[in-house]
Amino acid sequence: MDVALKNRYYKLFGRGLPKAKLQAHLAKLRNGKMSRWKVVGSQSVQAITDRLYLGWEAFFAGDIKKPPTFRKRRKYRSFTLKQAGYKILGHGKIKILGRNYRFNQSRAITGAIKTVTVRRDPLDDIYVTFSCDQVPQPDQAPKTGLSAGADFGLKDFLTLSTSPIPSYEGWRARTDDAGLA
């Protein structure tokens, strides 16, 4: 719909549709004729227009070969919620657009959450990413002045800078020599 409005505006007036005008028009449609769009948050609709205009900028800059066009809903791999549309319910629990979801939270969320991005990879695994502001800097580890090195090989499985770790064959030969086998 965004693409059709932008194309129609260009045909009528000979110039591009300003993003603010498009967002205002979509907000009017959400409150009027297209009330089914109320399910989608207003910030998500704004994110759609942002994607459209980023696509046009990339096209005119020569970064991509084709201008933005109509795209199936399934082709989008992610969406971002900026301020509304989500609520953190606890560790590993989030409410997005009125539905509760569980996710594997790998670490504590520190700082103020700026955006929440839900992304689907090519294997259809879904990831929730939090973009935070005012994150405290971690303490720097003390420097010891020592360095470490490692080398993988055939004779010895691993040679560290301190001592070699023998491979299975080398370990078996050493235990046979010592009479331990």
C-alpha atoms as a PDB file:
ATOM      1  CA  MET A   1       0.000   0.000   0.000  1.00  0.00           C
ATOM      2  CA  ASP A   2       2.840   2.391   0.819  1.00  0.00           C
ATOM      3  CA  VAL A   3       4.453   1.727  -2.540  1.00  0.00           C
ATOM      4  CA  ALA A   4       1.179   2.296  -4.409  1.00  0.00           C
ATOM      5  CA  LEU A   5       0.566   5.605  -2.612  1.00  0.00           C
ATOM      6  CA  LYS A   6       4.075   6.796  -3.339  1.00  0.00           C
ATOM      7  CA  ASN A   7       3.827   5.819  -7.022  1.00  0.00           C
ATOM      8  CA  ARG A   8       0.400   7.450  -7.395  1.00  0.00           C
ATOM      9  CA  TYR A   9       1.612  10.657  -5.733  1.00  0.00           C
ATOM     10  CA  TYR A  10       4.597  10.787  -8.101  1.00  0.00           C
ATOM     11  CA  LYS A  11       2.352  10.335 -11.161  1.00  0.00           C
ATOM     12  CA  LEU A  12      -0.022  13.102 -10.009  1.00  0.00           C
ATOM     13  CA  PHE A  13       2.451  15.712  -8.775  1.00  0.00           C
ATOM     14  CA  GLY A  14       5.776  14.790 -10.427  1.00  0.00           C
ATOM     15  CA  ARG A  15       7.689  14.589  -7.141  1.00  0.00           C
ATOM     16  CA  GLY A  16       8.126  12.143  -4.289  1.00  0.00           C
ATOM     17  CA  LEU A  17       5.726  11.857  -1.387  1.00  0.00           C
ATOM     18  CA  PRO A  18       7.249  13.219   1.846  1.00  0.00           C
ATOM     19  CA  LYS A  19       7.572  10.614   4.574  1.00  0.00           C
ATOM     20  CA  ALA A  20       5.698  12.706   7.162  1.00  0.00           C
ATOM     21  CA  LYS A  21       2.737  13.054   4.773  1.00  0.00           C
ATOM     22  CA  LEU A  22       2.672   9.315   4.129  1.00  0.00           C
ATOM     23  CA  GLN A  23       2.788   8.521   7.840  1.00  0.00           C
ATOM     24  CA  ALA A  24      -0.029  10.989   8.540  1.00  0.00           C
ATOM     25  CA  HIS A  25      -2.110   9.435   5.752  1.00  0.00           C
ATOM     26  CA  LEU A  26      -1.561   5.916   7.097  1.00  0.00           C
ATOM     27  CA  ALA A  27      -2.506   7.080  10.605  1.00  0.00           C
ATOM     28  CA  LYS A  28      -5.743   8.488   9.192  1.00  0.00           C
ATOM     29  CA  LEU A  29      -6.451   5.196   7.428  1.00  0.00           C
ATOM     30  CA  ARG A  30      -5.781   3.259  10.643  1.00  0.00           C
ATOM     31  CA  ASN A  31      -8.355   5.368  12.478  1.00  0.00           C
ATOM     32  CA  GLY A  32     -10.918   5.249   9.691  1.00  0.00           C
ATOM     33  CA  LYS A  33     -11.402   2.770   6.842  1.00  0.00           C
ATOM     34  CA  MET A  34      -8.578   0.366   7.687  1.00  0.00           C
ATOM     35  CA  SER A  35      -9.492  -0.261  11.315  1.00  0.00           C
ATOM     36  CA  ARG A  36      -8.114  -3.807  11.026  1.00  0.00           C
ATOM     37  CA  TRP A  37      -4.684  -2.154  11.020  1.00  0.00           C
ATOM     38  CA  LYS A  38      -5.224  -1.266  14.689  1.00  0.00           C
ATOM     39  CA  VAL A  39      -3.884  -4.734  15.528  1.00  0.00           C
ATOM     40  CA  VAL A  40      -0.481  -3.571  14.287  1.00  0.00           C
ATOM     41  CA  GLY A  41       1.127  -0.944  16.480  1.00  0.00           C
ATOM     42  CA  SER A  42       1.526   2.591  15.204  1.00  0.00           C
ATOM     43  CA  GLN A  43       5.284   2.381  15.600  1.00  0.00           C
ATOM     44  CA  SER A  44       5.362  -0.743  13.437  1.00  0.00           C
ATOM     45  CA  VAL A  45       3.485   1.121  10.686  1.00  0.00           C
ATOM     46  CA  GLN A  46       6.061   3.907  10.980  1.00  0.00           C
ATOM     47  CA  ALA A  47       8.840   1.322  10.739  1.00  0.00           C
ATOM     48  CA  ILE A  48       7.319   0.093   7.459  1.00  0.00           C
ATOM     49  CA  THR A  49       7.475   3.588   6.005  1.00  0.00           C
ATOM     50  CA  ASP A  50      11.039   3.958   7.301  1.00  0.00           C
ATOM     51  CA  ARG A  51      11.997   0.752   5.447  1.00  0.00           C
ATOM     52  CA  LEU A  52      10.341   2.029   2.293  1.00  0.00           C
ATOM     53  CA  TYR A  53      12.205   5.329   2.373  1.00  0.00           C
ATOM     54  CA  LEU A  54      15.520   3.635   3.201  1.00  0.00           C
ATOM     55  CA  GLY A  55      14.935   1.452   0.129  1.00  0.00           C
ATOM     56  CA  TRP A  56      14.309   4.507  -2.052  1.00  0.00           C
ATOM     57  CA  GLU A  57      17.434   6.245  -0.697  1.00  0.00           C
ATOM     58  CA  ALA A  58      19.524   3.139  -1.409  1.00  0.00           C
ATOM     59  CA  PHE A  59      18.075   2.953  -4.940  1.00  0.00           C
ATOM     60  CA  PHE A  60      18.858   6.583  -5.757  1.00  0.00           C
ATOM     61  CA  ALA A  61      22.340   6.252  -4.224  1.00  0.00           C
ATOM     62  CA  GLY A  62      23.024   3.291  -6.518  1.00  0.00           C
ATOM     63  CA  ASP A  63      23.438   0.781  -3.682  1.00  0.00           C
ATOM     64  CA  ILE A  64      20.620  -1.440  -4.975  1.00  0.00           C
ATOM     65  CA  LYS A  65      19.520  -2.063  -8.567  1.00  0.00           C
ATOM     66  CA  LYS A  66      15.718  -2.105  -8.240  1.00  0.00           C
ATOM     67  CA  PRO A  67      13.404   0.367  -6.517  1.00  0.00           C
ATOM     68  CA  PRO A  68      11.204  -0.833  -3.635  1.00  0.00           C
ATOM     69  CA  THR A  69       8.197  -2.789  -4.838  1.00  0.00           C
ATOM     70  CA  PHE A  70       5.347  -4.833  -3.446  1.00  0.00           C
ATOM     71  CA  ARG A  71       6.521  -7.646  -1.244  1.00  0.00           C
ATOM     72  CA  LYS A  72       4.756 -10.570   0.347  1.00  0.00           C
ATOM     73  CA  ARG A  73       4.231 -10.492   4.064  1.00  0.00           C
ATOM     74  CA  ARG A  74       6.191 -13.745   4.456  1.00  0.00           C
ATOM     75  CA  LYS A  75       9.304 -12.241   2.856  1.00  0.00           C
ATOM     76  CA  TYR A  76       9.918  -9.879   5.758  1.00  0.00           C
ATOM     77  CA  ARG A  77      12.342 -11.498   8.162  1.00  0.00           C
ATOM     78  CA  SER A  78      12.080  -9.035  11.049  1.00  0.00           C
ATOM     79  CA  PHE A  79      10.098  -6.273  12.646  1.00  0.00           C
ATOM     80  CA  THR A  80      11.095  -3.707  15.244  1.00  0.00           C
ATOM     81  CA  LEU A  81       9.043  -2.292  18.078  1.00  0.00           C
ATOM     82  CA  LYS A  82      10.363   1.058  19.238  1.00  0.00           C
ATOM     83  CA  GLN A  83       8.474   2.173  22.356  1.00  0.00           C
ATOM     84  CA  ALA A  84       5.125   0.437  22.437  1.00  0.00           C
ATOM     85  CA  GLY A  85       3.721  -2.967  21.542  1.00  0.00           C
ATOM     86  CA  TYR A  86       5.810  -5.016  23.977  1.00  0.00           C
ATOM     87  CA  LYS A  87       6.125  -5.579  27.708  1.00  0.00           C
ATOM     88  CA  ILE A  88       8.782  -7.558  29.576  1.00  0.00           C
ATOM     89  CA  LEU A  89       6.911  -9.912  31.946  1.00  0.00           C
ATOM     90  CA  GLY A  90       9.926 -11.474  33.639  1.00  0.00           C
ATOM     91  CA  HIS A  91      13.057 -13.454  32.904  1.00  0.00           C
ATOM     92  CA  GLY A  92      12.516 -15.046  29.472  1.00  0.00           C
ATOM     93  CA  LYS A  93       8.912 -13.819  29.079  1.00  0.00           C
ATOM     94  CA  ILE A  94       7.641 -11.044  26.839  1.00  0.00           C
ATOM     95  CA  LYS A  95       4.229  -9.825  25.702  1.00  0.00           C
ATOM     96  CA  ILE A  96       4.145  -8.658  22.081  1.00  0.00           C
ATOM     97  CA  LEU A  97       0.970  -7.130  20.619  1.00  0.00           C
ATOM     98  CA  GLY A  98      -1.210  -8.766  23.275  1.00  0.00           C
ATOM     99  CA  ARG A  99       0.258 -12.301  23.128  1.00  0.00           C
ATOM    100  CA  ASN A 100       2.640 -13.844  25.655  1.00  0.00           C
ATOM    101  CA  TYR A 101       5.840 -15.490  24.424  1.00  0.00           C
ATOM    102  CA  ARG A 102       8.706 -17.288  26.109  1.00  0.00           C
ATOM    103  CA  PHE A 103      12.276 -16.981  24.913  1.00  0.00           C
ATOM    104  CA  ASN A 104      15.672 -18.212  26.013  1.00  0.00           C
ATOM    105  CA  GLN A 105      17.228 -15.202  27.712  1.00  0.00           C
ATOM    106  CA  SER A 106      20.998 -15.640  27.598  1.00  0.00           C
ATOM    107  CA  ARG A 107      21.890 -12.740  29.905  1.00  0.00           C
ATOM    108  CA  ALA A 108      20.271 -10.059  32.026  1.00  0.00           C
ATOM    109  CA  ILE A 109      19.005  -6.966  30.234  1.00  0.00           C
ATOM    110  CA  THR A 110      20.953  -3.970  31.513  1.00  0.00           C
ATOM    111  CA  GLY A 111      20.164  -0.358  30.719  1.00  0.00           C
ATOM    112  CA  ALA A 112      17.025   1.177  29.254  1.00  0.00           C
ATOM    113  CA  ILE A 113      15.458  -0.792  26.378  1.00  0.00           C
ATOM    114  CA  LYS A 114      15.337   1.326  23.217  1.00  0.00           C
ATOM    115  CA  THR A 115      13.988  -1.159  20.674  1.00  0.00           C
ATOM    116  CA  VAL A 116      12.896  -4.784  20.526  1.00  0.00           C
ATOM    117  CA  THR A 117      13.529  -6.610  17.243  1.00  0.00           C
ATOM    118  CA  VAL A 118      11.974  -9.968  16.436  1.00  0.00           C
ATOM    119  CA  ARG A 119      13.934 -11.695  13.678  1.00  0.00           C
ATOM    120  CA  ARG A 120      13.457 -14.967  11.807  1.00  0.00           C
ATOM    121  CA  ASP A 121      16.486 -16.658  10.241  1.00  0.00           C
ATOM    122  CA  PRO A 122      16.411 -18.852   7.094  1.00  0.00           C
ATOM    123  CA  LEU A 123      15.790 -21.961   9.245  1.00  0.00           C
ATOM    124  CA  ASP A 124      12.690 -20.276  10.748  1.00  0.00           C
ATOM    125  CA  ASP A 125      14.306 -19.920  14.163  1.00  0.00           C
ATOM    126  CA  ILE A 126      13.034 -16.776  15.869  1.00  0.00           C
ATOM    127  CA  TYR A 127      15.286 -14.433  17.847  1.00  0.00           C
ATOM    128  CA  VAL A 128      14.374 -11.513  20.093  1.00  0.00           C
ATOM    129  CA  THR A 129      17.028  -8.787  20.219  1.00  0.00           C
ATOM    130  CA  PHE A 130      17.022  -5.910  22.674  1.00  0.00           C
ATOM    131  CA  SER A 131      18.765  -2.672  21.832  1.00  0.00           C
ATOM    132  CA  CYS A 132      19.570  -0.867  25.089  1.00  0.00           C
ATOM    133  CA  ASP A 133      20.658   2.623  26.009  1.00  0.00           C
ATOM    134  CA  GLN A 134      22.687   3.685  29.064  1.00  0.00           C
ATOM    135  CA  VAL A 135      24.389   0.304  29.426  1.00  0.00           C
ATOM    136  CA  PRO A 136      27.041   0.334  32.166  1.00  0.00           C
ATOM    137  CA  GLN A 137      30.549  -0.445  30.943  1.00  0.00           C
ATOM    138  CA  PRO A 138      31.973  -3.722  32.290  1.00  0.00           C
ATOM    139  CA  ASP A 139      35.057  -3.631  34.486  1.00  0.00           C
ATOM    140  CA  GLN A 140      38.268  -4.189  32.584  1.00  0.00           C
ATOM    141  CA  ALA A 141      40.150  -7.364  33.424  1.00  0.00           C
ATOM    142  CA  PRO A 142      43.549  -6.771  35.000  1.00  0.00           C
ATOM    143  CA  LYS A 143      46.498  -7.145  32.660  1.00  0.00           C
ATOM    144  CA  THR A 144      49.042  -9.799  33.666  1.00  0.00           C
ATOM    145  CA  GLY A 145      51.681  -9.115  31.045  1.00  0.00           C
ATOM    146  CA  LEU A 146      51.626 -12.771  29.965  1.00  0.00           C
ATOM    147  CA  SER A 147      50.695 -14.027  26.524  1.00  0.00           C
ATOM    148  CA  ALA A 148      49.445 -17.428  25.429  1.00  0.00           C
ATOM    149  CA  GLY A 149      49.783 -19.382  22.219  1.00  0.00           C
ATOM    150  CA  ALA A 150      48.360 -22.655  20.934  1.00  0.00           C
ATOM    151  CA  ASP A 151      49.201 -24.875  17.960  1.00  0.00           C
ATOM    152  CA  PHE A 152      47.233 -27.885  16.694  1.00  0.00           C
ATOM    153  CA  GLY A 153      49.273 -30.669  15.207  1.00  0.00           C
ATOM    154  CA  LEU A 154      49.446 -34.371  14.348  1.00  0.00           C
ATOM    155  CA  LYS A 155      52.187 -35.544  16.704  1.00  0.00           C
ATOM    156  CA  ASP A 156      50.844 -33.577  19.661  1.00  0.00           C
ATOM    157  CA  PHE A 157      47.137 -32.768  19.714  1.00  0.00           C
ATOM    158  CA  LEU A 158      47.682 -29.314  21.126  1.00  0.00           C
ATOM    159  CA  THR A 159      50.861 -27.471  21.996  1.00  0.00           C
ATOM    160  CA  LEU A 160      50.321 -24.651  24.428  1.00  0.00           C
ATOM    161  CA  SER A 161      52.909 -22.047  25.297  1.00  0.00           C
ATOM    162  CA  THR A 162      53.387 -23.854  28.635  1.00  0.00           C
ATOM    163  CA  SER A 163      53.339 -27.585  27.684  1.00  0.00           C
ATOM    164  CA  PRO A 164      52.169 -29.965  24.924  1.00  0.00           C
ATOM    165  CA  ILE A 165      48.962 -32.008  25.198  1.00  0.00           C
ATOM    166  CA  PRO A 166      49.539 -35.327  23.400  1.00  0.00           C
ATOM    167  CA  SER A 167      47.191 -36.804  20.819  1.00  0.00           C
ATOM    168  CA  TYR A 168      45.550 -40.157  21.540  1.00  0.00           C
ATOM    169  CA  GLU A 169      48.246 -42.113  19.678  1.00  0.00           C
ATOM    170  CA  GLY A 170      51.000 -40.158  21.372  1.00  0.00           C
ATOM    171  CA  TRP A 171      49.335 -40.657  24.771  1.00  0.00           C
ATOM    172  CA  ARG A 172      49.004 -44.408  24.174  1.00  0.00           C
ATOM    173  CA  ALA A 173      52.681 -44.678  23.131  1.00  0.00           C
ATOM    174  CA  ARG A 174      53.819 -42.781  26.219  1.00  0.00           C
ATOM    175  CA  THR A 175      51.729 -44.960  28.566  1.00  0.00           C
ATOM    176  CA  ASP A 176      53.039 -48.146  26.852  1.00  0.00           C
ATOM    177  CA  ASP A 177      56.605 -46.948  27.419  1.00  0.00           C
ATOM    178  CA  ALA A 178      55.889 -46.286  31.056  1.00  0.00           C
ATOM    179  CA  GLY A 179      54.215 -49.686  31.516  1.00  0.00           C
ATOM    180  CA  LEU A 180      50.846 -48.151  32.387  1.00  0.00           C
ATOM    181  CA  ALA A 181      48.798 -49.747  29.616  1.00  0.00           C
END
